[in-house]
Amino acid sequence: CSSGGDAINVACMLIKAGKMDAAVVVGAESILSPLMINALS
């Protein structure tokens, strides 16, 4: 669940390290399914 926040952190580290000047930082999810509902329940 920290994937999105950690993506921001990783992008910042890459910029600070001089690997890039700009980043498209994205987080996304779609886990809705009977399997996941049953597993989490």
All heavy atoms as atom14 arrays in JSON, in Angstrom:
{
  "sequence": "CSSGGDAINVACMLIKAGKMDAAVVVGAESILSPLMINALS",
  "atom14_mask": [
    [1, 1, 1, 1, 1, 1, 0, 0, 0, 0, 0, 0, 0, 0],
    [1, 1, 1, 1, 1, 1, 0, 0, 0, 0, 0, 0, 0, 0],
    [1, 1, 1, 1, 1, 1, 0, 0, 0, 0, 0, 0, 0, 0],
    [1, 1, 1, 1, 0, 0, 0, 0, 0, 0, 0, 0, 0, 0],
    [1, 1, 1, 1, 0, 0, 0, 0, 0, 0, 0, 0, 0, 0],
    [1, 1, 1, 1, 1, 1, 1, 1, 0, 0, 0, 0, 0, 0],
    [1, 1, 1, 1, 1, 0, 0, 0, 0, 0, 0, 0, 0, 0],
    [1, 1, 1, 1, 1, 1, 1, 1, 0, 0, 0, 0, 0, 0],
    [1, 1, 1, 1, 1, 1, 1, 1, 0, 0, 0, 0, 0, 0],
    [1, 1, 1, 1, 1, 1, 1, 0, 0, 0, 0, 0, 0, 0],
    [1, 1, 1, 1, 1, 0, 0, 0, 0, 0, 0, 0, 0, 0],
    [1, 1, 1, 1, 1, 1, 0, 0, 0, 0, 0, 0, 0, 0],
    [1, 1, 1, 1, 1, 1, 1, 1, 0, 0, 0, 0, 0, 0],
    [1, 1, 1, 1, 1, 1, 1, 1, 0, 0, 0, 0, 0, 0],
    [1, 1, 1, 1, 1, 1, 1, 1, 0, 0, 0, 0, 0, 0],
    [1, 1, 1, 1, 1, 1, 1, 1, 1, 0, 0, 0, 0, 0],
    [1, 1, 1, 1, 1, 0, 0, 0, 0, 0, 0, 0, 0, 0],
    [1, 1, 1, 1, 0, 0, 0, 0, 0, 0, 0, 0, 0, 0],
    [1, 1, 1, 1, 1, 1, 1, 1, 1, 0, 0, 0, 0, 0],
    [1, 1, 1, 1, 1, 1, 1, 1, 0, 0, 0, 0, 0, 0],
    [1, 1, 1, 1, 1, 1, 1, 1, 0, 0, 0, 0, 0, 0],
    [1, 1, 1, 1, 1, 0, 0, 0, 0, 0, 0, 0, 0, 0],
    [1, 1, 1, 1, 1, 0, 0, 0, 0, 0, 0, 0, 0, 0],
    [1, 1, 1, 1, 1, 1, 1, 0, 0, 0, 0, 0, 0, 0],
    [1, 1, 1, 1, 1, 1, 1, 0, 0, 0, 0, 0, 0, 0],
    [1, 1, 1, 1, 1, 1, 1, 0, 0, 0, 0, 0, 0, 0],
    [1, 1, 1, 1, 0, 0, 0, 0, 0, 0, 0, 0, 0, 0],
    [1, 1, 1, 1, 1, 0, 0, 0, 0, 0, 0, 0, 0, 0],
    [1, 1, 1, 1, 1, 1, 1, 1, 1, 0, 0, 0, 0, 0],
    [1, 1, 1, 1, 1, 1, 0, 0, 0, 0, 0, 0, 0, 0],
    [1, 1, 1, 1, 1, 1, 1, 1, 0, 0, 0, 0, 0, 0],
    [1, 1, 1, 1, 1, 1, 1, 1, 0, 0, 0, 0, 0, 0],
    [1, 1, 1, 1, 1, 1, 0, 0, 0, 0, 0, 0, 0, 0],
    [1, 1, 1, 1, 1, 1, 1, 0, 0, 0, 0, 0, 0, 0],
    [1, 1, 1, 1, 1, 1, 1, 1, 0, 0, 0, 0, 0, 0],
    [1, 1, 1, 1, 1, 1, 1, 1, 0, 0, 0, 0, 0, 0],
    [1, 1, 1, 1, 1, 1, 1, 1, 0, 0, 0, 0, 0, 0],
    [1, 1, 1, 1, 1, 1, 1, 1, 0, 0, 0, 0, 0, 0],
    [1, 1, 1, 1, 1, 0, 0, 0, 0, 0, 0, 0, 0, 0],
    [1, 1, 1, 1, 1, 1, 1, 1, 0, 0, 0, 0, 0, 0],
    [1, 1, 1, 1, 1, 1, 0, 0, 0, 0, 0, 0, 0, 0]
  ],
  "atom14_positions": [
    [[0.81, -1.23, 0.0], [0.0, 0.0, 0.0], [0.84, 1.27, 0.0], [0.29, 2.36, -0.17], [-0.94, -0.01, 1.2], [-1.96, -1.49, 1.28], [0.0, 0.0, 0.0], [0.0, 0.0, 0.0], [0.0, 0.0, 0.0], [0.0, 0.0, 0.0], [0.0, 0.0, 0.0], [0.0, 0.0, 0.0], [0.0, 0.0, 0.0], [0.0, 0.0, 0.0]],
    [[2.15, 1.15, 0.2], [3.0, 2.34, 0.15], [3.62, 2.52, -1.23], [4.48, 3.41, -1.41], [4.1, 2.27, 1.22], [5.02, 1.25, 0.94], [0.0, 0.0, 0.0], [0.0, 0.0, 0.0], [0.0, 0.0, 0.0], [0.0, 0.0, 0.0], [0.0, 0.0, 0.0], [0.0, 0.0, 0.0], [0.0, 0.0, 0.0], [0.0, 0.0, 0.0]],
    [[3.21, 1.73, -2.21], [3.83, 1.76, -3.55], [3.8, 3.14, -4.19], [4.8, 3.58, -4.77], [3.13, 0.76, -4.48], [3.27, -0.56, -4.02], [0.0, 0.0, 0.0], [0.0, 0.0, 0.0], [0.0, 0.0, 0.0], [0.0, 0.0, 0.0], [0.0, 0.0, 0.0], [0.0, 0.0, 0.0], [0.0, 0.0, 0.0], [0.0, 0.0, 0.0]],
    [[2.68, 3.84, -4.1], [2.58, 5.16, -4.72], [3.51, 6.17, -4.07], [4.22, 6.92, -4.76], [0.0, 0.0, 0.0], [0.0, 0.0, 0.0], [0.0, 0.0, 0.0], [0.0, 0.0, 0.0], [0.0, 0.0, 0.0], [0.0, 0.0, 0.0], [0.0, 0.0, 0.0], [0.0, 0.0, 0.0], [0.0, 0.0, 0.0], [0.0, 0.0, 0.0]],
    [[3.52, 6.19, -2.73], [4.42, 7.1, -2.03], [5.87, 6.76, -2.3], [6.71, 7.65, -2.49], [0.0, 0.0, 0.0], [0.0, 0.0, 0.0], [0.0, 0.0, 0.0], [0.0, 0.0, 0.0], [0.0, 0.0, 0.0], [0.0, 0.0, 0.0], [0.0, 0.0, 0.0], [0.0, 0.0, 0.0], [0.0, 0.0, 0.0], [0.0, 0.0, 0.0]],
    [[6.19, 5.47, -2.33], [7.56, 5.06, -2.59], [7.98, 5.37, -4.02], [9.16, 5.6, -4.3], [7.73, 3.56, -2.3], [7.77, 3.26, -0.8], [8.1, 4.18, -0.03], [7.49, 2.12, -0.41], [0.0, 0.0, 0.0], [0.0, 0.0, 0.0], [0.0, 0.0, 0.0], [0.0, 0.0, 0.0], [0.0, 0.0, 0.0], [0.0, 0.0, 0.0]],
    [[7.02, 5.38, -4.95], [7.33, 5.77, -6.33], [7.79, 7.23, -6.36], [8.73, 7.58, -7.09], [6.11, 5.57, -7.24], [0.0, 0.0, 0.0], [0.0, 0.0, 0.0], [0.0, 0.0, 0.0], [0.0, 0.0, 0.0], [0.0, 0.0, 0.0], [0.0, 0.0, 0.0], [0.0, 0.0, 0.0], [0.0, 0.0, 0.0], [0.0, 0.0, 0.0]],
    [[7.14, 8.09, -5.59], [7.57, 9.48, -5.5], [8.99, 9.55, -4.93], [9.85, 10.27, -5.45], [6.6, 10.31, -4.61], [5.2, 10.37, -5.24], [7.15, 11.72, -4.38], [4.15, 10.99, -4.34], [0.0, 0.0, 0.0], [0.0, 0.0, 0.0], [0.0, 0.0, 0.0], [0.0, 0.0, 0.0], [0.0, 0.0, 0.0], [0.0, 0.0, 0.0]],
    [[9.24, 8.78, -3.89], [10.56, 8.77, -3.25], [11.64, 8.31, -4.23], [12.7, 8.93, -4.35], [10.51, 7.84, -2.03], [11.73, 7.99, -1.13], [12.62, 8.78, -1.39], [11.77, 7.21, -0.06], [0.0, 0.0, 0.0], [0.0, 0.0, 0.0], [0.0, 0.0, 0.0], [0.0, 0.0, 0.0], [0.0, 0.0, 0.0], [0.0, 0.0, 0.0]],
    [[11.37, 7.22, -4.96], [12.34, 6.71, -5.93], [12.62, 7.75, -7.02], [13.77, 7.96, -7.41], [11.84, 5.39, -6.55], [12.7, 4.98, -7.75], [11.85, 4.27, -5.51], [0.0, 0.0, 0.0], [0.0, 0.0, 0.0], [0.0, 0.0, 0.0], [0.0, 0.0, 0.0], [0.0, 0.0, 0.0], [0.0, 0.0, 0.0], [0.0, 0.0, 0.0]],
    [[11.57, 8.4, -7.51], [11.75, 9.42, -8.54], [12.61, 10.57, -8.02], [13.5, 11.06, -8.74], [10.39, 9.94, -9.01], [0.0, 0.0, 0.0], [0.0, 0.0, 0.0], [0.0, 0.0, 0.0], [0.0, 0.0, 0.0], [0.0, 0.0, 0.0], [0.0, 0.0, 0.0], [0.0, 0.0, 0.0], [0.0, 0.0, 0.0], [0.0, 0.0, 0.0]],
    [[12.36, 10.98, -6.79], [13.17, 12.06, -6.2], [14.63, 11.64, -6.07], [15.55, 12.42, -6.35], [12.61, 12.46, -4.84], [11.06, 13.38, -4.9], [0.0, 0.0, 0.0], [0.0, 0.0, 0.0], [0.0, 0.0, 0.0], [0.0, 0.0, 0.0], [0.0, 0.0, 0.0], [0.0, 0.0, 0.0], [0.0, 0.0, 0.0], [0.0, 0.0, 0.0]],
    [[14.85, 10.39, -5.66], [16.23, 9.9, -5.52], [16.94, 9.89, -6.87], [18.12, 10.24, -6.97], [16.23, 8.52, -4.89], [15.91, 8.51, -3.4], [16.25, 6.92, -2.59], [14.94, 5.9, -3.26], [0.0, 0.0, 0.0], [0.0, 0.0, 0.0], [0.0, 0.0, 0.0], [0.0, 0.0, 0.0], [0.0, 0.0, 0.0], [0.0, 0.0, 0.0]],
    [[16.25, 9.47, -7.92], [16.85, 9.43, -9.25], [17.19, 10.83, -9.76], [18.23, 11.05, -10.38], [15.91, 8.73, -10.23], [15.78, 7.21, -10.08], [14.6, 6.68, -10.89], [17.07, 6.52, -10.49], [0.0, 0.0, 0.0], [0.0, 0.0, 0.0], [0.0, 0.0, 0.0], [0.0, 0.0, 0.0], [0.0, 0.0, 0.0], [0.0, 0.0, 0.0]],
    [[16.3, 11.79, -9.46], [16.58, 13.17, -9.86], [17.78, 13.71, -9.08], [18.7, 14.32, -9.64], [15.33, 14.05, -9.66], [14.25, 13.7, -10.69], [15.7, 15.54, -9.77], [12.92, 14.4, -10.49], [0.0, 0.0, 0.0], [0.0, 0.0, 0.0], [0.0, 0.0, 0.0], [0.0, 0.0, 0.0], [0.0, 0.0, 0.0], [0.0, 0.0, 0.0]],
    [[17.8, 13.46, -7.76], [18.92, 13.95, -6.94], [20.25, 13.31, -7.33], [21.3, 13.92, -7.19], [18.61, 13.68, -5.45], [17.51, 14.55, -4.88], [17.21, 14.17, -3.44], [16.09, 15.02, -2.86], [15.74, 14.63, -1.46], [0.0, 0.0, 0.0], [0.0, 0.0, 0.0], [0.0, 0.0, 0.0], [0.0, 0.0, 0.0], [0.0, 0.0, 0.0]],
    [[20.15, 12.07, -7.82], [21.37, 11.36, -8.25], [21.84, 11.81, -9.63], [22.88, 11.35, -10.11], [21.11, 9.86, -8.25], [0.0, 0.0, 0.0], [0.0, 0.0, 0.0], [0.0, 0.0, 0.0], [0.0, 0.0, 0.0], [0.0, 0.0, 0.0], [0.0, 0.0, 0.0], [0.0, 0.0, 0.0], [0.0, 0.0, 0.0], [0.0, 0.0, 0.0]],
    [[21.07, 12.68, -10.28], [21.46, 13.19, -11.58], [21.12, 12.27, -12.74], [21.6, 12.47, -13.86], [0.0, 0.0, 0.0], [0.0, 0.0, 0.0], [0.0, 0.0, 0.0], [0.0, 0.0, 0.0], [0.0, 0.0, 0.0], [0.0, 0.0, 0.0], [0.0, 0.0, 0.0], [0.0, 0.0, 0.0], [0.0, 0.0, 0.0], [0.0, 0.0, 0.0]],
    [[20.28, 11.26, -12.49], [19.92, 10.31, -13.54], [18.88, 10.87, -14.5], [18.73, 10.39, -15.62], [19.38, 9.01, -12.91], [20.33, 8.33, -11.93], [21.58, 7.83, -12.61], [22.46, 7.06, -11.64], [23.72, 6.59, -12.26], [0.0, 0.0, 0.0], [0.0, 0.0, 0.0], [0.0, 0.0, 0.0], [0.0, 0.0, 0.0], [0.0, 0.0, 0.0]],
    [[18.12, 11.85, -14.05], [17.11, 12.48, -14.9], [16.75, 13.84, -14.33], [17.06, 14.15, -13.17], [15.87, 11.58, -15.01], [15.2, 11.24, -13.7], [13.87, 10.02, -13.94], [13.25, 9.84, -12.26], [0.0, 0.0, 0.0], [0.0, 0.0, 0.0], [0.0, 0.0, 0.0], [0.0, 0.0, 0.0], [0.0, 0.0, 0.0], [0.0, 0.0, 0.0]],
    [[16.09, 14.65, -15.15], [15.68, 15.99, -14.71], [14.2, 16.06, -14.38], [13.77, 16.96, -13.66], [15.99, 17.01, -15.81], [17.47, 17.11, -16.1], [18.26, 17.07, -15.15], [17.84, 17.22, -17.29], [0.0, 0.0, 0.0], [0.0, 0.0, 0.0], [0.0, 0.0, 0.0], [0.0, 0.0, 0.0], [0.0, 0.0, 0.0], [0.0, 0.0, 0.0]],
    [[13.42, 15.14, -14.95], [11.97, 15.15, -14.74], [11.44, 13.73, -14.75], [12.03, 12.83, -15.36], [11.27, 15.98, -15.83], [0.0, 0.0, 0.0], [0.0, 0.0, 0.0], [0.0, 0.0, 0.0], [0.0, 0.0, 0.0], [0.0, 0.0, 0.0], [0.0, 0.0, 0.0], [0.0, 0.0, 0.0], [0.0, 0.0, 0.0], [0.0, 0.0, 0.0]],
    [[10.32, 13.53, -14.07], [9.72, 12.19, -14.0], [8.2, 12.28, -14.03], [7.6, 13.18, -13.46], [10.15, 11.47, -12.74], [0.0, 0.0, 0.0], [0.0, 0.0, 0.0], [0.0, 0.0, 0.0], [0.0, 0.0, 0.0], [0.0, 0.0, 0.0], [0.0, 0.0, 0.0], [0.0, 0.0, 0.0], [0.0, 0.0, 0.0], [0.0, 0.0, 0.0]],
    [[7.62, 11.31, -14.74], [6.19, 11.06, -14.64], [6.03, 9.99, -13.56], [6.47, 8.85, -13.75], [5.61, 10.54, -15.98], [4.1, 10.36, -15.87], [5.97, 11.48, -17.12], [0.0, 0.0, 0.0], [0.0, 0.0, 0.0], [0.0, 0.0, 0.0], [0.0, 0.0, 0.0], [0.0, 0.0, 0.0], [0.0, 0.0, 0.0], [0.0, 0.0, 0.0]],
    [[5.48, 10.37, -12.43], [5.32, 9.44, -11.31], [3.86, 9.02, -11.25], [2.97, 9.87, -11.15], [5.73, 10.08, -9.97], [5.76, 9.04, -8.87], [7.09, 10.76, -10.09], [0.0, 0.0, 0.0], [0.0, 0.0, 0.0], [0.0, 0.0, 0.0], [0.0, 0.0, 0.0], [0.0, 0.0, 0.0], [0.0, 0.0, 0.0], [0.0, 0.0, 0.0]],
    [[3.63, 7.72, -11.33], [2.27, 7.2, -11.46], [2.0, 6.1, -10.44], [2.88, 5.29, -10.14], [2.03, 6.63, -12.88], [0.54, 6.37, -13.11], [2.56, 7.57, -13.94], [0.0, 0.0, 0.0], [0.0, 0.0, 0.0], [0.0, 0.0, 0.0], [0.0, 0.0, 0.0], [0.0, 0.0, 0.0], [0.0, 0.0, 0.0], [0.0, 0.0, 0.0]],
    [[0.79, 6.07, -9.92], [0.33, 4.96, -9.09], [-1.01, 4.51, -9.6], [-1.85, 5.34, -9.97], [0.0, 0.0, 0.0], [0.0, 0.0, 0.0], [0.0, 0.0, 0.0], [0.0, 0.0, 0.0], [0.0, 0.0, 0.0], [0.0, 0.0, 0.0], [0.0, 0.0, 0.0], [0.0, 0.0, 0.0], [0.0, 0.0, 0.0], [0.0, 0.0, 0.0]],
    [[-1.24, 3.2, -9.65], [-2.52, 2.71, -10.16], [-2.84, 1.33, -9.6], [-1.94, 0.55, -9.28], [-2.53, 2.66, -11.68], [0.0, 0.0, 0.0], [0.0, 0.0, 0.0], [0.0, 0.0, 0.0], [0.0, 0.0, 0.0], [0.0, 0.0, 0.0], [0.0, 0.0, 0.0], [0.0, 0.0, 0.0], [0.0, 0.0, 0.0], [0.0, 0.0, 0.0]],
    [[-4.13, 1.04, -9.52], [-4.57, -0.25, -8.99], [-5.99, -0.55, -9.42], [-6.83, 0.35, -9.55], [-4.53, -0.23, -7.46], [-4.21, -1.56, -6.83], [-2.73, -1.9, -6.93], [-1.91, -1.18, -6.34], [-2.41, -2.9, -7.61], [0.0, 0.0, 0.0], [0.0, 0.0, 0.0], [0.0, 0.0, 0.0], [0.0, 0.0, 0.0], [0.0, 0.0, 0.0]],
    [[-6.25, -1.84, -9.65], [-7.61, -2.32, -9.87], [-7.63, -3.8, -9.52], [-7.35, -4.65, -10.35], [-8.05, -2.11, -11.32], [-9.38, -2.55, -11.5], [0.0, 0.0, 0.0], [0.0, 0.0, 0.0], [0.0, 0.0, 0.0], [0.0, 0.0, 0.0], [0.0, 0.0, 0.0], [0.0, 0.0, 0.0], [0.0, 0.0, 0.0], [0.0, 0.0, 0.0]],
    [[-7.95, -4.11, -8.26], [-7.89, -5.5, -7.8], [-9.28, -6.11, -7.58], [-9.39, -7.22, -7.06], [-7.08, -5.63, -6.49], [-7.83, -5.0, -5.3], [-5.71, -5.0, -6.65], [-7.29, -5.4, -3.96], [0.0, 0.0, 0.0], [0.0, 0.0, 0.0], [0.0, 0.0, 0.0], [0.0, 0.0, 0.0], [0.0, 0.0, 0.0], [0.0, 0.0, 0.0]],
    [[-10.32, -5.38, -7.97], [-11.68, -5.87, -7.71], [-11.94, -7.18, -8.43], [-11.95, -7.24, -9.66], [-12.7, -4.82, -8.14], [-13.14, -3.85, -7.05], [-14.08, -2.81, -7.62], [-13.81, -4.59, -5.9], [0.0, 0.0, 0.0], [0.0, 0.0, 0.0], [0.0, 0.0, 0.0], [0.0, 0.0, 0.0], [0.0, 0.0, 0.0], [0.0, 0.0, 0.0]],
    [[-12.17, -8.24, -7.67], [-12.47, -9.56, -8.22], [-12.98, -10.43, -7.08], [-12.66, -10.17, -5.9], [-11.23, -10.19, -8.83], [-10.27, -10.48, -7.82], [0.0, 0.0, 0.0], [0.0, 0.0, 0.0], [0.0, 0.0, 0.0], [0.0, 0.0, 0.0], [0.0, 0.0, 0.0], [0.0, 0.0, 0.0], [0.0, 0.0, 0.0], [0.0, 0.0, 0.0]],
    [[-13.75, -11.46, -7.39], [-14.19, -12.39, -6.34], [-13.02, -12.97, -5.56], [-13.11, -13.16, -4.34], [-14.95, -13.46, -7.12], [-15.47, -12.74, -8.32], [-14.38, -11.77, -8.69], [0.0, 0.0, 0.0], [0.0, 0.0, 0.0], [0.0, 0.0, 0.0], [0.0, 0.0, 0.0], [0.0, 0.0, 0.0], [0.0, 0.0, 0.0], [0.0, 0.0, 0.0]],
    [[-11.91, -13.26, -6.25], [-10.75, -13.84, -5.57], [-10.23, -12.92, -4.48], [-10.02, -13.35, -3.33], [-9.63, -14.09, -6.6], [-8.28, -14.55, -6.01], [-8.4, -15.93, -5.39], [-7.2, -14.53, -7.08], [0.0, 0.0, 0.0], [0.0, 0.0, 0.0], [0.0, 0.0, 0.0], [0.0, 0.0, 0.0], [0.0, 0.0, 0.0], [0.0, 0.0, 0.0]],
    [[-10.02, -11.64, -4.8], [-9.45, -10.73, -3.83], [-10.43, -10.4, -2.71], [-10.03, -10.24, -1.55], [-8.98, -9.44, -4.53], [-7.8, -9.63, -5.46], [-6.42, -10.52, -4.68], [-6.09, -9.5, -3.25], [0.0, 0.0, 0.0], [0.0, 0.0, 0.0], [0.0, 0.0, 0.0], [0.0, 0.0, 0.0], [0.0, 0.0, 0.0], [0.0, 0.0, 0.0]],
    [[-11.7, -10.31, -3.03], [-12.7, -10.06, -1.98], [-12.73, -11.23, -1.0], [-12.74, -11.04, 0.22], [-14.09, -9.82, -2.6], [-14.1, -8.46, -3.31], [-15.18, -9.87, -1.52], [-15.37, -8.18, -4.09], [0.0, 0.0, 0.0], [0.0, 0.0, 0.0], [0.0, 0.0, 0.0], [0.0, 0.0, 0.0], [0.0, 0.0, 0.0], [0.0, 0.0, 0.0]],
    [[-12.71, -12.44, -1.52], [-12.7, -13.62, -0.64], [-11.42, -13.68, 0.19], [-11.46, -13.97, 1.39], [-12.86, -14.9, -1.46], [-14.31, -15.23, -1.73], [-15.11, -15.33, -0.81], [-14.68, -15.4, -3.0], [0.0, 0.0, 0.0], [0.0, 0.0, 0.0], [0.0, 0.0, 0.0], [0.0, 0.0, 0.0], [0.0, 0.0, 0.0], [0.0, 0.0, 0.0]],
    [[-10.29, -13.4, -0.45], [-9.0, -13.48, 0.25], [-8.93, -12.47, 1.39], [-8.5, -12.8, 2.51], [-7.86, -13.25, -0.73], [0.0, 0.0, 0.0], [0.0, 0.0, 0.0], [0.0, 0.0, 0.0], [0.0, 0.0, 0.0], [0.0, 0.0, 0.0], [0.0, 0.0, 0.0], [0.0, 0.0, 0.0], [0.0, 0.0, 0.0], [0.0, 0.0, 0.0]],
    [[-9.34, -11.22, 1.12], [-9.27, -10.19, 2.15], [-10.34, -10.36, 3.22], [-10.13, -10.0, 4.38], [-9.37, -8.81, 1.5], [-8.14, -8.41, 0.67], [-8.44, -7.21, -0.21], [-6.94, -8.1, 1.58], [0.0, 0.0, 0.0], [0.0, 0.0, 0.0], [0.0, 0.0, 0.0], [0.0, 0.0, 0.0], [0.0, 0.0, 0.0], [0.0, 0.0, 0.0]],
    [[-11.48, -10.92, 2.84], [-12.52, -11.19, 3.83], [-12.09, -12.29, 4.79], [-12.41, -12.26, 5.98], [-13.82, -11.6, 3.13], [-14.33, -10.55, 2.35], [0.0, 0.0, 0.0], [0.0, 0.0, 0.0], [0.0, 0.0, 0.0], [0.0, 0.0, 0.0], [0.0, 0.0, 0.0], [0.0, 0.0, 0.0], [0.0, 0.0, 0.0], [0.0, 0.0, 0.0]]
  ]
}
